[in-house]
Protein backbone atom coordinates (compact mmCIF):
# COMPACT_ATOMS: atom_id res chain seq x y z
CA MET A 1 0.00 -0.05 -0.02
CA ASP A 2 1.48 3.45 -1.00
CA ASP A 3 1.69 6.11 1.73
CA PRO A 4 2.25 9.39 -0.25
CA LEU A 5 2.64 11.51 2.92
CA GLY A 6 5.26 9.17 4.42
CA LYS A 7 6.77 8.62 0.97
CA ARG A 8 7.04 4.87 1.60
CA THR A 9 5.32 1.67 0.91
CA VAL A 10 3.37 0.03 3.78
CA GLY A 11 3.23 -3.79 3.72
CA LEU A 12 0.09 -5.82 4.06
CA GLU A 13 -0.31 -9.19 5.88
CA ALA A 14 -1.97 -12.01 3.96
CA PRO A 15 -5.70 -11.99 4.38
CA ASP A 16 -7.28 -13.90 7.31
CA GLU A 17 -10.12 -16.49 6.93
CA GLU A 18 -12.70 -13.65 6.80
CA GLY A 19 -10.83 -11.86 3.93
CA ARG A 20 -9.40 -8.99 6.04
CA TRP A 21 -6.09 -7.57 5.05
CA LEU A 22 -4.16 -5.86 7.89
CA ASP A 23 -1.27 -3.44 7.42
CA GLU A 24 2.18 -4.01 9.00
CA PHE A 25 1.41 -1.46 11.83
CA ASN A 26 -2.01 -3.04 12.76
CA LYS A 27 -3.67 0.27 12.20
CA ASN A 28 -5.66 -0.30 9.08
CA THR A 29 -7.83 -3.15 8.02
CA ILE A 30 -8.96 -3.52 4.39
CA PHE A 31 -12.08 -5.45 3.25
CA PHE A 32 -13.41 -6.15 -0.23
CA ASP A 33 -17.15 -6.33 -1.07
CA TRP A 34 -17.87 -8.83 -3.91
CA ASP A 35 -20.76 -9.24 -6.32
CA GLU A 36 -22.39 -12.52 -7.44
CA GLN A 37 -19.85 -12.95 -10.25
CA GLY A 38 -16.87 -12.59 -7.95
CA ASN A 39 -15.97 -9.04 -8.98
CA VAL A 40 -14.85 -6.45 -6.47
CA LYS A 41 -17.74 -3.99 -5.87
CA SER A 42 -16.00 -1.80 -3.28
CA MET A 43 -13.12 -1.55 -0.91
CA ILE A 44 -13.64 -0.62 2.76
CA ILE A 45 -10.73 0.78 4.85
CA ASP A 46 -11.16 0.49 8.57
CA SER A 47 -8.56 2.91 10.17
CA ILE A 48 -7.65 3.76 13.72
CA ASP A 49 -7.12 7.42 14.36
CA LYS A 50 -6.23 9.01 17.67
CA PHE A 51 -6.97 12.71 18.39
CA ARG A 52 -5.74 14.68 21.38
CA ARG A 53 -7.84 17.22 23.05
CA ALA A 54 -6.35 20.66 22.82
CA GLU A 55 -5.25 22.18 26.17
CA SER A 56 -7.10 25.35 27.16
């Protein structure tokens, strides 16, 4: 997977039994949605983001 901001390539683990692909940092999970003919209809990216509350 290409990371243009980091200017690097992030590796993906092989898919698990449910078809989920996990990146090498365990932060992003990728799923594919298939149609009846076995073609990919969509790609779903589940990402973990952390935000810090600004100090006042």
